[in-house]
PDB file of N, CA and C in Angstrom:
ATOM      1  N   MET A   1      85.527 -66.904  86.599  1.00  0.00           N
ATOM      2  CA  MET A   1      85.793 -67.879  87.637  1.00  0.00           C
ATOM      3  C   MET A   1      87.283 -68.216  87.585  1.00  0.00           C
ATOM      4  N   THR A   2      87.896 -68.255  88.732  1.00  0.00           N
ATOM      5  CA  THR A   2      89.310 -68.623  88.793  1.00  0.00           C
ATOM      6  C   THR A   2      89.478 -69.798  89.724  1.00  0.00           C
ATOM      7  N   ARG A   3      90.500 -70.572  89.472  1.00  0.00           N
ATOM      8  CA  ARG A   3      90.805 -71.718  90.322  1.00  0.00           C
ATOM      9  C   ARG A   3      91.847 -71.308  91.348  1.00  0.00           C
ATOM     10  N   PRO A   4      91.822 -71.919  92.520  1.00  0.00           N
ATOM     11  CA  PRO A   4      92.900 -71.640  93.463  1.00  0.00           C
ATOM     12  C   PRO A   4      94.221 -72.085  92.841  1.00  0.00           C
ATOM     13  N   ALA A   5      95.241 -71.268  92.976  1.00  0.00           N
ATOM     14  CA  ALA A   5      96.523 -71.572  92.366  1.00  0.00           C
ATOM     15  C   ALA A   5      97.466 -72.208  93.371  1.00  0.00           C
ATOM     16  N   PRO A   6      98.382 -73.064  92.878  1.00  0.00           N
ATOM     17  CA  PRO A   6      99.418 -73.578  93.763  1.00  0.00           C
ATOM     18  C   PRO A   6     100.221 -72.402  94.299  1.00  0.00           C
ATOM     19  N   SER A   7     100.802 -72.562  95.443  1.00  0.00           N
ATOM     20  CA  SER A   7     101.520 -71.449  96.072  1.00  0.00           C
ATOM     21  C   SER A   7     102.569 -70.864  95.132  1.00  0.00           C
ATOM     22  N   GLY A   8     102.629 -69.543  95.109  1.00  0.00           N
ATOM     23  CA  GLY A   8     103.616 -68.853  94.307  1.00  0.00           C
ATOM     24  C   GLY A   8     103.229 -68.618  92.864  1.00  0.00           C
ATOM     25  N   ARG A   9     102.086 -69.101  92.436  1.00  0.00           N
ATOM     26  CA  ARG A   9     101.662 -68.910  91.039  1.00  0.00           C
ATOM     27  C   ARG A   9     100.367 -68.108  91.009  1.00  0.00           C
ATOM     28  N   PRO A  10     100.185 -67.312  89.948  1.00  0.00           N
ATOM     29  CA  PRO A  10      98.913 -66.585  89.843  1.00  0.00           C
ATOM     30  C   PRO A  10      97.771 -67.557  89.552  1.00  0.00           C
ATOM     31  N   PRO A  11      96.547 -67.201  89.908  1.00  0.00           N
ATOM     32  CA  PRO A  11      95.409 -68.101  89.650  1.00  0.00           C
ATOM     33  C   PRO A  11      95.179 -68.261  88.151  1.00  0.00           C
ATOM     34  N   LEU A  12      94.651 -69.419  87.778  1.00  0.00           N
ATOM     35  CA  LEU A  12      94.325 -69.693  86.379  1.00  0.00           C
ATOM     36  C   LEU A  12      93.020 -68.987  86.024  1.00  0.00           C
ATOM     37  N   ALA A  13      93.018 -68.331  84.879  1.00  0.00           N
ATOM     38  CA  ALA A  13      91.804 -67.650  84.430  1.00  0.00           C
ATOM     39  C   ALA A  13      90.893 -68.661  83.754  1.00  0.00           C
ATOM     40  N   ALA A  14      89.607 -68.450  83.882  1.00  0.00           N
ATOM     41  CA  ALA A  14      88.649 -69.328  83.220  1.00  0.00           C
ATOM     42  C   ALA A  14      88.676 -69.061  81.721  1.00  0.00           C
ATOM     43  N   VAL A  15      88.549 -70.100  80.940  1.00  0.00           N
ATOM     44  CA  VAL A  15      88.513 -69.981  79.489  1.00  0.00           C
ATOM     45  C   VAL A  15      87.060 -70.067  79.063  1.00  0.00           C
ATOM     46  N   PRO A  16      86.593 -69.078  78.278  1.00  0.00           N
ATOM     47  CA  PRO A  16      85.199 -69.160  77.825  1.00  0.00           C
ATOM     48  C   PRO A  16      85.011 -70.358  76.910  1.00  0.00           C
ATOM     49  N   GLY A  17      83.847 -70.952  76.964  1.00  0.00           N
ATOM     50  CA  GLY A  17      83.549 -72.098  76.121  1.00  0.00           C
ATOM     51  C   GLY A  17      83.131 -71.676  74.722  1.00  0.00           C
ATOM     52  N   LEU A  18      82.925 -72.655  73.870  1.00  0.00           N
ATOM     53  CA  LEU A  18      82.527 -72.382  72.492  1.00  0.00           C
ATOM     54  C   LEU A  18      81.204 -71.627  72.425  1.00  0.00           C
ATOM     55  N   ASP A  19      80.267 -71.957  73.315  1.00  0.00           N
ATOM     56  CA  ASP A  19      78.980 -71.263  73.317  1.00  0.00           C
ATOM     57  C   ASP A  19      79.158 -69.781  73.628  1.00  0.00           C
ATOM     58  N   ALA A  20      79.991 -69.483  74.633  1.00  0.00           N
ATOM     59  CA  ALA A  20      80.215 -68.089  75.017  1.00  0.00           C
ATOM     60  C   ALA A  20      80.882 -67.313  73.888  1.00  0.00           C
ATOM     61  N   ILE A  21      81.849 -67.939  73.212  1.00  0.00           N
ATOM     62  CA  ILE A  21      82.544 -67.268  72.116  1.00  0.00           C
ATOM     63  C   ILE A  21      81.610 -67.079  70.922  1.00  0.00           C
ATOM     64  N   ALA A  22      80.720 -68.047  70.684  1.00  0.00           N
ATOM     65  CA  ALA A  22      79.745 -67.900  69.597  1.00  0.00           C
ATOM     66  C   ALA A  22      78.813 -66.716  69.870  1.00  0.00           C
ATOM     67  N   GLU A  23      78.448 -66.526  71.118  1.00  0.00           N
ATOM     68  CA  GLU A  23      77.562 -65.419  71.495  1.00  0.00           C
ATOM     69  C   GLU A  23      78.292 -64.078  71.496  1.00  0.00           C
ATOM     70  N   THR A  24      79.573 -64.099  71.910  1.00  0.00           N
ATOM     71  CA  THR A  24      80.359 -62.868  72.028  1.00  0.00           C
ATOM     72  C   THR A  24      81.726 -63.109  71.390  1.00  0.00           C
ATOM     73  N   PRO A  25      81.828 -63.025  70.069  1.00  0.00           N
ATOM     74  CA  PRO A  25      83.064 -63.375  69.362  1.00  0.00           C
ATOM     75  C   PRO A  25      84.302 -62.597  69.812  1.00  0.00           C
ATOM     76  N   GLU A  26      84.126 -61.375  70.324  1.00  0.00           N
ATOM     77  CA  GLU A  26      85.295 -60.596  70.736  1.00  0.00           C
ATOM     78  C   GLU A  26      86.030 -61.213  71.930  1.00  0.00           C
ATOM     79  N   LEU A  27      85.408 -62.153  72.617  1.00  0.00           N
ATOM     80  CA  LEU A  27      86.098 -62.867  73.703  1.00  0.00           C
ATOM     81  C   LEU A  27      87.334 -63.594  73.180  1.00  0.00           C
ATOM     82  N   ALA A  28      87.285 -64.046  71.945  1.00  0.00           N
ATOM     83  CA  ALA A  28      88.394 -64.809  71.371  1.00  0.00           C
ATOM     84  C   ALA A  28      89.666 -63.974  71.282  1.00  0.00           C
ATOM     85  N   ARG A  29      89.538 -62.686  71.068  1.00  0.00           N
ATOM     86  CA  ARG A  29      90.725 -61.829  70.925  1.00  0.00           C
ATOM     87  C   ARG A  29      91.543 -61.762  72.199  1.00  0.00           C
ATOM     88  N   ALA A  30      90.922 -61.937  73.332  1.00  0.00           N
ATOM     89  CA  ALA A  30      91.627 -61.826  74.608  1.00  0.00           C
ATOM     90  C   ALA A  30      92.339 -63.122  74.995  1.00  0.00           C
ATOM     91  N   LEU A  31      92.127 -64.181  74.239  1.00  0.00           N
ATOM     92  CA  LEU A  31      92.712 -65.476  74.593  1.00  0.00           C
ATOM     93  C   LEU A  31      94.105 -65.636  73.994  1.00  0.00           C
ATOM     94  N   PRO A  32      94.986 -66.337  74.702  1.00  0.00           N
ATOM     95  CA  PRO A  32      96.303 -66.631  74.132  1.00  0.00           C
ATOM     96  C   PRO A  32      96.158 -67.516  72.891  1.00  0.00           C
ATOM     97  N   LYS A  33      97.154 -67.437  72.023  1.00  0.00           N
ATOM     98  CA  LYS A  33      97.109 -68.162  70.753  1.00  0.00           C
ATOM     99  C   LYS A  33      96.906 -69.663  70.951  1.00  0.00           C
ATOM    100  N   HIS A  34      97.588 -70.272  71.921  1.00  0.00           N
ATOM    101  CA  HIS A  34      97.463 -71.722  72.115  1.00  0.00           C
ATOM    102  C   HIS A  34      96.060 -72.107  72.583  1.00  0.00           C
ATOM    103  N   VAL A  35      95.407 -71.224  73.323  1.00  0.00           N
ATOM    104  CA  VAL A  35      94.028 -71.500  73.766  1.00  0.00           C
ATOM    105  C   VAL A  35      93.083 -71.382  72.578  1.00  0.00           C
ATOM    106  N   ARG A  36      93.306 -70.360  71.732  1.00  0.00           N
ATOM    107  CA  ARG A  36      92.471 -70.227  70.528  1.00  0.00           C
ATOM    108  C   ARG A  36      92.631 -71.448  69.625  1.00  0.00           C
ATOM    109  N   ALA A  37      93.867 -71.936  69.495  1.00  0.00           N
ATOM    110  CA  ALA A  37      94.106 -73.119  68.665  1.00  0.00           C
ATOM    111  C   ALA A  37      93.367 -74.326  69.230  1.00  0.00           C
ATOM    112  N   ASP A  38      93.442 -74.515  70.540  1.00  0.00           N
ATOM    113  CA  ASP A  38      92.748 -75.647  71.166  1.00  0.00           C
ATOM    114  C   ASP A  38      91.239 -75.546  70.959  1.00  0.00           C
ATOM    115  N   LEU A  39      90.683 -74.368  71.148  1.00  0.00           N
ATOM    116  CA  LEU A  39      89.244 -74.189  70.940  1.00  0.00           C
ATOM    117  C   LEU A  39      88.871 -74.419  69.475  1.00  0.00           C
ATOM    118  N   GLY A  40      89.750 -74.008  68.557  1.00  0.00           N
ATOM    119  CA  GLY A  40      89.501 -74.245  67.135  1.00  0.00           C
ATOM    120  C   GLY A  40      89.450 -75.725  66.821  1.00  0.00           C
ATOM    121  N   PHE A  41      90.397 -76.497  67.384  1.00  0.00           N
ATOM    122  CA  PHE A  41      90.391 -77.944  67.161  1.00  0.00           C
ATOM    123  C   PHE A  41      89.141 -78.579  67.750  1.00  0.00           C
ATOM    124  N   ARG A  42      88.711 -78.100  68.902  1.00  0.00           N
ATOM    125  CA  ARG A  42      87.474 -78.624  69.504  1.00  0.00           C
ATOM    126  C   ARG A  42      86.275 -78.334  68.610  1.00  0.00           C
ATOM    127  N   ALA A  43      86.238 -77.124  68.046  1.00  0.00           N
ATOM    128  CA  ALA A  43      85.132 -76.755  67.164  1.00  0.00           C
ATOM    129  C   ALA A  43      85.109 -77.644  65.923  1.00  0.00           C
ATOM    130  N   VAL A  44      86.273 -77.939  65.383  1.00  0.00           N
ATOM    131  CA  VAL A  44      86.351 -78.814  64.207  1.00  0.00           C
ATOM    132  C   VAL A  44      85.844 -80.209  64.558  1.00  0.00           C
ATOM    133  N   ARG A  45      86.216 -80.715  65.740  1.00  0.00           N
ATOM    134  CA  ARG A  45      85.733 -82.044  66.146  1.00  0.00           C
ATOM    135  C   ARG A  45      84.215 -82.051  66.307  1.00  0.00           C
ATOM    136  N   VAL A  46      83.659 -80.947  66.827  1.00  0.00           N
ATOM    137  CA  VAL A  46      82.203 -80.850  66.966  1.00  0.00           C
ATOM    138  C   VAL A  46      81.550 -80.862  65.577  1.00  0.00           C
ATOM    139  N   LEU A  47      82.103 -80.075  64.645  1.00  0.00           N
ATOM    140  CA  LEU A  47      81.551 -80.056  63.286  1.00  0.00           C
ATOM    141  C   LEU A  47      81.611 -81.434  62.644  1.00  0.00           C
ATOM    142  N   ALA A  48      82.727 -82.132  62.824  1.00  0.00           N
ATOM    143  CA  ALA A  48      82.854 -83.475  62.251  1.00  0.00           C
ATOM    144  C   ALA A  48      81.816 -84.416  62.854  1.00  0.00           C
ATOM    145  N   ALA A  49      81.617 -84.334  64.152  1.00  0.00           N
ATOM    146  CA  ALA A  49      80.627 -85.192  64.804  1.00  0.00           C
ATOM    147  C   ALA A  49      79.223 -84.901  64.282  1.00  0.00           C
ATOM    148  N   LEU A  50      78.922 -83.623  64.070  1.00  0.00           N
ATOM    149  CA  LEU A  50      77.603 -83.258  63.544  1.00  0.00           C
ATOM    150  C   LEU A  50      77.412 -83.756  62.117  1.00  0.00           C
ATOM    151  N   GLN A  51      78.459 -83.652  61.297  1.00  0.00           N
ATOM    152  CA  GLN A  51      78.359 -84.133  59.929  1.00  0.00           C
ATOM    153  C   GLN A  51      78.200 -85.646  59.886  1.00  0.00           C
ATOM    154  N   ILE A  52      78.929 -86.343  60.736  1.00  0.00           N
ATOM    155  CA  ILE A  52      78.810 -87.804  60.789  1.00  0.00           C
ATOM    156  C   ILE A  52      77.407 -88.204  61.233  1.00  0.00           C
ATOM    157  N   ALA A  53      76.864 -87.467  62.213  1.00  0.00           N
ATOM    158  CA  ALA A  53      75.526 -87.788  62.707  1.00  0.00           C
ATOM    159  C   ALA A  53      74.466 -87.597  61.622  1.00  0.00           C
ATOM    160  N   ASP A  54      74.706 -86.633  60.732  1.00  0.00           N
ATOM    161  CA  ASP A  54      73.744 -86.369  59.664  1.00  0.00           C
ATOM    162  C   ASP A  54      73.946 -87.245  58.432  1.00  0.00           C
ATOM    163  N   ALA A  55      75.066 -87.928  58.369  1.00  0.00           N
ATOM    164  CA  ALA A  55      75.368 -88.744  57.191  1.00  0.00           C
ATOM    165  C   ALA A  55      74.378 -89.901  57.091  1.00  0.00           C
ATOM    166  N   GLU A  56      73.980 -90.166  55.889  1.00  0.00           N
ATOM    167  CA  GLU A  56      73.067 -91.282  55.666  1.00  0.00           C
ATOM    168  C   GLU A  56      73.877 -92.559  55.543  1.00  0.00           C
ATOM    169  N   PRO A  57      73.459 -93.603  56.215  1.00  0.00           N
ATOM    170  CA  PRO A  57      74.218 -94.854  56.108  1.00  0.00           C
ATOM    171  C   PRO A  57      74.163 -95.403  54.682  1.00  0.00           C
ATOM    172  N   VAL A  58      75.266 -95.962  54.281  1.00  0.00           N
ATOM    173  CA  VAL A  58      75.340 -96.573  52.959  1.00  0.00           C
ATOM    174  C   VAL A  58      74.769 -97.984  53.075  1.00  0.00           C
ATOM    175  N   PRO A  59      73.785 -98.315  52.261  1.00  0.00           N
ATOM    176  CA  PRO A  59      73.207 -99.655  52.355  1.00  0.00           C
ATOM    177  C   PRO A  59      74.251-100.723  52.011  1.00  0.00           C
ATOM    178  N   ALA A  60      74.188-101.811  52.733  1.00  0.00           N
ATOM    179  CA  ALA A  60      75.121-102.911  52.492  1.00  0.00           C
ATOM    180  C   ALA A  60      74.809-103.539  51.134  1.00  0.00           C
ATOM    181  N   THR A  61      75.829-103.647  50.330  1.00  0.00           N
ATOM    182  CA  THR A  61      75.682-104.273  49.018  1.00  0.00           C
ATOM    183  C   THR A  61      76.865-105.200  48.812  1.00  0.00           C
ATOM    184  N   ALA A  62      76.805-105.932  47.760  1.00  0.00           N
ATOM    185  CA  ALA A  62      77.926-106.802  47.425  1.00  0.00           C
ATOM    186  C   ALA A  62      79.138-105.934  47.113  1.00  0.00           C
ATOM    187  N   ASP A  63      80.316-106.475  47.371  1.00  0.00           N
ATOM    188  CA  ASP A  63      81.545-105.742  47.067  1.00  0.00           C
ATOM    189  C   ASP A  63      81.607-105.425  45.584  1.00  0.00           C
ATOM    190  N   GLU A  64      82.034-104.215  45.294  1.00  0.00           N
ATOM    191  CA  GLU A  64      82.232-103.829  43.905  1.00  0.00           C
ATOM    192  C   GLU A  64      83.432-102.899  43.832  1.00  0.00           C
ATOM    193  N   LEU A  65      84.123-102.944  42.739  1.00  0.00           N
ATOM    194  CA  LEU A  65      85.263-102.072  42.537  1.00  0.00           C
ATOM    195  C   LEU A  65      84.787-100.716  42.048  1.00  0.00           C
ATOM    196  N   LEU A  66      85.429 -99.663  42.560  1.00  0.00           N
ATOM    197  CA  LEU A  66      85.122 -98.312  42.126  1.00  0.00           C
ATOM    198  C   LEU A  66      86.328 -97.751  41.400  1.00  0.00           C
ATOM    199  N   ASP A  67      86.063 -96.900  40.434  1.00  0.00           N
ATOM    200  CA  ASP A  67      87.203 -96.207  39.845  1.00  0.00           C
ATOM    201  C   ASP A  67      87.516 -94.999  40.734  1.00  0.00           C
ATOM    202  N   VAL A  68      88.601 -94.312  40.449  1.00  0.00           N
ATOM    203  CA  VAL A  68      89.072 -93.230  41.308  1.00  0.00           C
ATOM    204  C   VAL A  68      88.037 -92.115  41.432  1.00  0.00           C
ATOM    205  N   SER A  69      87.396 -91.759  40.340  1.00  0.00           N
ATOM    206  CA  SER A  69      86.425 -90.663  40.412  1.00  0.00           C
ATOM    207  C   SER A  69      85.208 -91.035  41.257  1.00  0.00           C
ATOM    208  N   GLU A  70      84.768 -92.287  41.180  1.00  0.00           N
ATOM    209  CA  GLU A  70      83.634 -92.734  42.008  1.00  0.00           C
ATOM    210  C   GLU A  70      84.022 -92.752  43.488  1.00  0.00           C
ATOM    211  N   ALA A  71      85.218 -93.258  43.789  1.00  0.00           N
ATOM    212  CA  ALA A  71      85.686 -93.302  45.179  1.00  0.00           C
ATOM    213  C   ALA A  71      85.843 -91.891  45.737  1.00  0.00           C
ATOM    214  N   ALA A  72      86.405 -90.993  44.944  1.00  0.00           N
ATOM    215  CA  ALA A  72      86.592 -89.615  45.386  1.00  0.00           C
ATOM    216  C   ALA A  72      85.246 -88.961  45.690  1.00  0.00           C
ATOM    217  N   LYS A  73      84.273 -89.211  44.832  1.00  0.00           N
ATOM    218  CA  LYS A  73      82.942 -88.638  45.039  1.00  0.00           C
ATOM    219  C   LYS A  73      82.322 -89.151  46.339  1.00  0.00           C
ATOM    220  N   LEU A  74      82.438 -90.451  46.600  1.00  0.00           N
ATOM    221  CA  LEU A  74      81.904 -91.031  47.837  1.00  0.00           C
ATOM    222  C   LEU A  74      82.575 -90.451  49.074  1.00  0.00           C
ATOM    223  N   LEU A  75      83.872 -90.145  48.966  1.00  0.00           N
ATOM    224  CA  LEU A  75      84.631 -89.617  50.097  1.00  0.00           C
ATOM    225  C   LEU A  75      84.549 -88.098  50.216  1.00  0.00           C
ATOM    226  N   GLY A  76      83.919 -87.453  49.239  1.00  0.00           N
ATOM    227  CA  GLY A  76      83.823 -86.004  49.275  1.00  0.00           C
ATOM    228  C   GLY A  76      85.148 -85.325  48.974  1.00  0.00           C
ATOM    229  N   LEU A  77      85.967 -85.958  48.158  1.00  0.00           N
ATOM    230  CA  LEU A  77      87.273 -85.433  47.786  1.00  0.00           C
ATOM    231  C   LEU A  77      87.341 -85.232  46.284  1.00  0.00           C
ATOM    232  N   GLY A  78      88.300 -84.439  45.879  1.00  0.00           N
ATOM    233  CA  GLY A  78      88.597 -84.329  44.461  1.00  0.00           C
ATOM    234  C   GLY A  78      89.444 -85.521  44.050  1.00  0.00           C
ATOM    235  N   THR A  79      89.445 -85.839  42.781  1.00  0.00           N
ATOM    236  CA  THR A  79      90.219 -86.975  42.284  1.00  0.00           C
ATOM    237  C   THR A  79      91.706 -86.813  42.599  1.00  0.00           C
ATOM    238  N   THR A  80      92.229 -85.615  42.384  1.00  0.00           N
ATOM    239  CA  THR A  80      93.648 -85.355  42.650  1.00  0.00           C
ATOM    240  C   THR A  80      93.962 -85.529  44.134  1.00  0.00           C
ATOM    241  N   GLN A  81      93.078 -85.017  44.998  1.00  0.00           N
ATOM    242  CA  GLN A  81      93.271 -85.165  46.446  1.00  0.00           C
ATOM    243  C   GLN A  81      93.356 -86.628  46.839  1.00  0.00           C
ATOM    244  N   LEU A  82      92.440 -87.426  46.331  1.00  0.00           N
ATOM    245  CA  LEU A  82      92.420 -88.847  46.662  1.00  0.00           C
ATOM    246  C   LEU A  82      93.695 -89.529  46.185  1.00  0.00           C
ATOM    247  N   LEU A  83      94.119 -89.228  44.967  1.00  0.00           N
ATOM    248  CA  LEU A  83      95.340 -89.846  44.450  1.00  0.00           C
ATOM    249  C   LEU A  83      96.558 -89.467  45.288  1.00  0.00           C
ATOM    250  N   ARG A  84      96.624 -88.218  45.736  1.00  0.00           N
ATOM    251  CA  ARG A  84      97.741 -87.801  46.605  1.00  0.00           C
ATOM    252  C   ARG A  84      97.726 -88.564  47.919  1.00  0.00           C
ATOM    253  N   ARG A  85      96.544 -88.724  48.495  1.00  0.00           N
ATOM    254  CA  ARG A  85      96.443 -89.475  49.766  1.00  0.00           C
ATOM    255  C   ARG A  85      96.848 -90.928  49.578  1.00  0.00           C
ATOM    256  N   ILE A  86      96.469 -91.509  48.470  1.00  0.00           N
ATOM    257  CA  ILE A  86      96.841 -92.902  48.191  1.00  0.00           C
ATOM    258  C   ILE A  86      98.358 -93.001  48.065  1.00  0.00           C
ATOM    259  N   GLN A  87      98.970 -92.060  47.364  1.00  0.00           N
ATOM    260  CA  GLN A  87     100.425 -92.083  47.199  1.00  0.00           C
ATOM    261  C   GLN A  87     101.129 -91.917  48.532  1.00  0.00           C
ATOM    262  N   LYS A  88     100.627 -91.018  49.400  1.00  0.00           N
ATOM    263  CA  LYS A  88     101.242 -90.797  50.719  1.00  0.00           C
ATOM    264  C   LYS A  88     101.138 -92.049  51.579  1.00  0.00           C
ATOM    265  N   SER A  89      99.995 -92.724  51.544  1.00  0.00           N
ATOM    266  CA  SER A  89      99.816 -93.904  52.390  1.00  0.00           C
ATOM    267  C   SER A  89     100.626 -95.092  51.895  1.00  0.00           C
ATOM    268  N   ALA A  90     100.991 -95.077  50.610  1.00  0.00           N
ATOM    269  CA  ALA A  90     101.767 -96.188  50.048  1.00  0.00           C
ATOM    270  C   ALA A  90     103.264 -96.075  50.385  1.00  0.00           C
ATOM    271  N   ARG A  91     103.668 -94.924  50.874  1.00  0.00           N
ATOM    272  CA  ARG A  91     105.094 -94.718  51.196  1.00  0.00           C
ATOM    273  C   ARG A  91     105.501 -95.376  52.464  1.00  0.00           C
TER     274      ARG A  91
END
């Protein structure tokens, strides 16, 4: 499917969606790099949304302090990763 183009410009080509690329992966090779990057970011957002939807809610409890290893485990990070993020945010 193509869209009518403004005068003097070639028509815009339709970009296959994530479903089409999942069914026929070779479609991705024909896409420009910036389109592949955009579709990749969209796929990551979809994965994040699915993971969030599957996450179990944490029951409300009284505030408690966690040590770094406990916090990292809750966040799904390594201890070193968490410490680096804390240092970056403190700058």
